Amino acid sequence: MSQPHLSFACELETEALQALFADPAVVDSLIAMEAGISLGLIDLSPGRADVVRQLNQAGVPVVAWLLLPKEQGYWFNAANHAQATARYDAFLAWTREHDLQWAGVGVDIEPDFTEFQQLMTGRVWQVLPRMIGRLFDASRLRQGQEAYARLLKRMQADGYPVESYHFPFIVDERKVGSTFLQRFLGLVEVPADREGFMLYTSFLSSWGPAVLCSYAPEADMIAVGSTGGGIETGVEMPALNWDELARDLRLASQWSDDIFIFSLEGCLQQGFLERLIDFDWTRPVPIPRKEVKQVDKLRRAFRGFLWTTTHPWFVLVGLASLIFLPFGLRRLFARKR
């Protein structure tokens, strides 16, 4: 089989980023793997531009992973499209100033950072009323969809292929025409050229491989991880060991030639990068078919719930029929007697 194309997410502050790429072995490893980088643009500093130029000169493809300040949500969502548009404008000016080259633009769709942090640290009641309130505000999502459609059209007109990073359940909503979870979590679908599903098995315990295998056939690009690193959320997140990462890579390669690893810094910390240069993609790995069938069943049930959120009156009529049908039948039989 041909080797899949690998790309690594890198989400470091500028000083740490410069220190990482000060080691020429890192760039040499990327070149040896013919791998790319999705570089989180936490800031638009001269130091970050220096790293991008270094990668440009080495021929390493770099995707501009656009991010916002934490107080603006950090990731893109339905509410911060104005800030996302302003960030893109600033990105263009920064790119021109430093003469940077990009293989594309990455758009990361996740909940507002503050809300995510509250959920992760158990402060659910601080954010739950706001999340429930969004279920009744369809205009908020519609405005976000329209704004992001315009923004991505601009990116594409500027010559940048756009890739999106999504939670995989977005495909379940899409299949039944629901927007329940998008409204509840503040997410928004974007019309990207390539859609990547974040199938991080480290967060899913023993069910991780089955979830990966269930969603992988529907993804353009499969994101595996986490190997560590990433933004601090106040909760220590689990990381894959080498055997787990190797398993996920071999599973993902059965469905996609584009695999995204989160993160580069995590791979370096655990000594994975050099091991990936001569990685054996042909070694067989069993698909957990029994567990995948169970995940598929749960997804069908989940889609059934999502369907009811788009057809509430149909459901109410059906429930009313179930409740009153026995009484009607009893009266009908009574008359016949």
Foldseek 3Di string as FASTA:
>chain_A
DDAFAEEFEDEDDLVVLLVVVVPVVLLVLCVLSLYAYAYECQDLDPSVLVVQVVNVVSVHAYADEYFDHLVLQGADFLQNLVVVLVSVVVVVVSCVVSVGDHQAYEHEWFFRLVQVLCVVVVVCVVCQVVLVVLQPVVVSQVNSAVSLQVSVVVRVVVPHQYEYEEALCVVLCVVLVFCRVSSSRRTHDHDGPFYEHAQELQQVPPLSLLVCLLRLQVGAEYEYWDLDDDDDSPDDGGTDAPVVVLLSSLSSVVRYSHYYYHHPVSCVVRVNSVVVSPRDSPDDDDRPVVSNVVVVVVSVVVSVVRNCSVVVVVVVVVVVCVVCVVVVVVVVVVVVD
